[in-house]
Amino acid sequence: MVDAIETNACLHEVRAGIDGVLVLLEQQSVRSEACFSALCLLEMVKAKLDALMAAGPLAG
């Protein structure tokens, strides 16, 4: 069984990584339609991750 504390720590690391990529994509999206598309997609993924993290480990 996966430890809830370890899972939560991993999710926070993933979220921090996504935030870093979003900053880079936002800078490049001004010049690139592909970067803008990737930015939009990753923002949706981050929103879903945030919602899942907010729901907590007992949601399901």
Protein backbone atom coordinates (compact mmCIF):
# COMPACT_ATOMS: atom_id res chain seq x y z
CA MET A 1 0.00 0.00 0.00
CA VAL A 2 1.23 3.48 -0.84
CA ASP A 3 1.80 5.78 2.12
CA ALA A 4 -0.54 8.81 2.07
CA ILE A 5 2.12 11.18 3.37
CA GLU A 6 4.61 10.07 0.73
CA THR A 7 1.97 10.38 -1.97
CA ASN A 8 1.05 13.87 -0.82
CA ALA A 9 4.71 14.92 -0.86
CA CYS A 10 5.10 13.55 -4.40
CA LEU A 11 2.00 15.41 -5.57
CA HIS A 12 3.38 18.66 -4.16
CA GLU A 13 6.65 18.05 -6.02
CA VAL A 14 4.75 17.43 -9.26
CA ARG A 15 2.71 20.58 -8.68
CA ALA A 16 5.87 22.63 -8.13
CA GLY A 17 7.32 21.23 -11.35
CA ILE A 18 4.15 22.12 -13.24
CA ASP A 19 4.34 25.66 -11.88
CA GLY A 20 7.87 26.01 -13.24
CA VAL A 21 6.88 24.74 -16.67
CA LEU A 22 3.87 27.07 -16.70
CA VAL A 23 6.15 30.07 -16.13
CA LEU A 24 8.32 29.07 -19.08
CA LEU A 25 5.33 28.36 -21.32
CA GLU A 26 3.75 31.68 -20.42
CA GLN A 27 6.91 33.51 -21.48
CA GLN A 28 7.11 31.62 -24.79
CA SER A 29 3.39 31.63 -25.58
CA VAL A 30 3.63 35.23 -26.74
CA ARG A 31 5.74 34.08 -29.70
CA SER A 32 4.48 30.55 -30.25
CA GLU A 33 0.97 29.24 -30.80
CA ALA A 34 2.18 25.74 -29.88
CA CYS A 35 3.46 27.03 -26.54
CA PHE A 36 0.15 28.80 -25.94
CA SER A 37 -1.71 25.55 -26.61
CA ALA A 38 0.59 23.64 -24.26
CA LEU A 39 0.10 26.37 -21.63
CA CYS A 40 -3.69 26.03 -21.83
CA LEU A 41 -3.53 22.25 -21.57
CA LEU A 42 -1.11 22.24 -18.64
CA GLU A 43 -3.21 24.84 -16.81
CA MET A 44 -6.20 22.48 -17.08
CA VAL A 45 -4.10 19.57 -15.80
CA LYS A 46 -2.88 21.67 -12.87
CA ALA A 47 -6.44 22.74 -12.04
CA LYS A 48 -7.51 19.09 -11.94
CA LEU A 49 -4.52 18.16 -9.78
CA ASP A 50 -5.29 21.04 -7.41
CA ALA A 51 -8.91 19.88 -7.12
CA LEU A 52 -7.85 16.30 -6.41
CA MET A 53 -5.35 17.43 -3.79
CA ALA A 54 -7.96 19.67 -2.14
CA ALA A 55 -10.43 16.77 -2.01
CA GLY A 56 -8.03 14.86 0.19
CA PRO A 57 -7.11 11.19 0.44
CA LEU A 58 -10.61 9.99 1.40
CA ALA A 59 -12.33 11.32 -1.71
CA GLY A 60 -13.32 8.78 -4.23
